[in-house]
């Protein structure tokens, strides 16, 4: 029986340094707005996770249906605008400072 060994080819991988905005790096439209939404959703997620409230209770505070809270908790909130996400933070009694032109 012959010993079959495969030779591994050494491949060179190119690494590109990030611009700091993964959405821009991927060439997605409106990368600044998408980054801002991601940051807002992360803040909302942390607040909701630490609150100990049920999704139904949270839905009442935010003025949305429970499935929308579920989407927020799973970072699937693409349908929410930056303005709406800021309203959620306000409803959760958090100060919101709009310091990005992307939200305009």
Protein backbone atom coordinates (compact mmCIF):
# COMPACT_ATOMS: atom_id res chain seq x y z
CA UNK A 1 0.00 0.00 0.00
CA UNK A 2 1.40 3.34 -1.00
CA UNK A 3 1.62 6.12 1.54
CA UNK A 4 -0.48 8.95 0.18
CA UNK A 5 0.47 12.24 1.69
CA UNK A 6 -0.81 15.50 0.47
CA UNK A 7 1.50 18.40 0.14
CA UNK A 8 0.14 21.59 1.49
CA UNK A 9 0.61 24.62 -0.60
CA UNK A 10 1.67 27.70 1.18
CA UNK A 11 -0.71 30.45 0.25
CA UNK A 12 -0.22 34.06 0.98
CA UNK A 13 -3.13 35.77 2.56
CA UNK A 14 -3.61 39.46 2.24
CA UNK A 15 -4.67 41.36 5.30
CA UNK A 16 -6.18 44.78 4.90
CA UNK A 17 -6.30 47.16 7.83
CA UNK A 18 -9.80 48.30 8.74
CA UNK A 19 -10.87 51.87 8.29
CA UNK A 20 -12.67 51.63 11.63
CA UNK A 21 -16.05 51.17 9.96
CA UNK A 22 -16.72 47.61 8.85
CA UNK A 23 -19.72 48.76 6.83
CA UNK A 24 -17.50 51.07 4.76
CA UNK A 25 -14.87 48.34 4.44
CA UNK A 26 -17.52 46.03 2.97
CA UNK A 27 -18.67 48.72 0.55
CA UNK A 28 -22.20 48.89 1.93
CA UNK A 29 -24.37 51.94 1.23
CA UNK A 30 -24.61 54.58 4.00
CA UNK A 31 -21.81 53.09 6.12
CA UNK A 32 -21.79 55.92 8.67
CA UNK A 33 -25.50 55.51 9.33
CA UNK A 34 -25.16 51.73 9.61
CA UNK A 35 -22.32 52.09 12.10
CA UNK A 36 -24.35 54.53 14.19
CA UNK A 37 -27.34 52.14 14.16
CA UNK A 38 -25.09 49.27 15.26
CA UNK A 39 -23.74 51.35 18.14
CA UNK A 40 -27.24 52.38 19.23
CA UNK A 41 -28.54 48.83 19.03
CA UNK A 42 -25.63 47.63 21.16
CA UNK A 43 -26.45 50.21 23.83
CA UNK A 44 -30.14 49.27 23.76
CA UNK A 45 -29.28 45.57 23.96
CA UNK A 46 -27.07 46.09 27.02
CA UNK A 47 -29.75 48.13 28.78
CA UNK A 48 -32.46 45.58 28.05
CA UNK A 49 -30.28 42.63 29.03
CA UNK A 50 -29.36 44.23 32.36
CA UNK A 51 -32.94 45.33 33.11
CA UNK A 52 -34.23 41.89 34.02
CA UNK A 53 -37.57 42.77 32.39
CA UNK A 54 -39.51 40.50 30.10
CA UNK A 55 -39.78 41.30 26.41
CA UNK A 56 -43.46 42.08 26.95
CA UNK A 57 -42.62 44.64 29.64
CA UNK A 58 -39.94 46.18 27.45
CA UNK A 59 -42.36 46.35 24.51
CA UNK A 60 -44.74 48.38 26.66
CA UNK A 61 -42.02 50.87 27.56
CA UNK A 62 -40.78 51.21 23.98
CA UNK A 63 -44.25 51.30 22.46
CA UNK A 64 -43.64 48.39 20.09
CA UNK A 65 -44.83 44.82 19.73
CA UNK A 66 -42.96 42.05 21.56
CA UNK A 67 -41.57 40.53 18.31
CA UNK A 68 -39.83 43.85 17.63
CA UNK A 69 -38.13 43.63 21.02
CA UNK A 70 -37.02 40.14 20.07
CA UNK A 71 -35.49 41.56 16.88
CA UNK A 72 -33.62 44.17 18.91
CA UNK A 73 -32.30 41.51 21.26
CA UNK A 74 -31.01 39.51 18.30
CA UNK A 75 -29.45 42.54 16.58
CA UNK A 76 -31.94 42.30 13.73
CA UNK A 77 -33.22 45.84 13.90
CA UNK A 78 -32.48 46.92 10.36
CA UNK A 79 -35.98 48.28 9.90
CA UNK A 80 -35.58 50.82 12.71
CA UNK A 81 -34.28 54.26 11.82
CA UNK A 82 -31.57 56.02 13.78
CA UNK A 83 -34.22 58.41 15.07
CA UNK A 84 -36.40 55.55 16.31
CA UNK A 85 -33.47 53.91 18.05
CA UNK A 86 -32.73 57.20 19.78
CA UNK A 87 -36.39 57.36 20.87
CA UNK A 88 -35.96 53.89 22.40
CA UNK A 89 -32.99 55.11 24.42
CA UNK A 90 -34.99 58.11 25.59
CA UNK A 91 -37.88 55.80 26.59
CA UNK A 92 -35.35 53.76 28.57
CA UNK A 93 -34.42 56.97 30.40
CA UNK A 94 -31.00 57.35 28.80
CA UNK A 95 -29.58 60.64 27.62
CA UNK A 96 -29.04 60.73 23.89
CA UNK A 97 -26.58 63.08 22.28
CA UNK A 98 -26.71 63.31 18.53
CA UNK A 99 -23.11 63.95 17.60
CA UNK A 100 -23.12 62.32 14.18
CA UNK A 101 -24.10 63.85 10.87
CA UNK A 102 -25.06 60.33 9.75
CA UNK A 103 -28.30 60.52 11.70
CA UNK A 104 -29.58 63.47 9.67
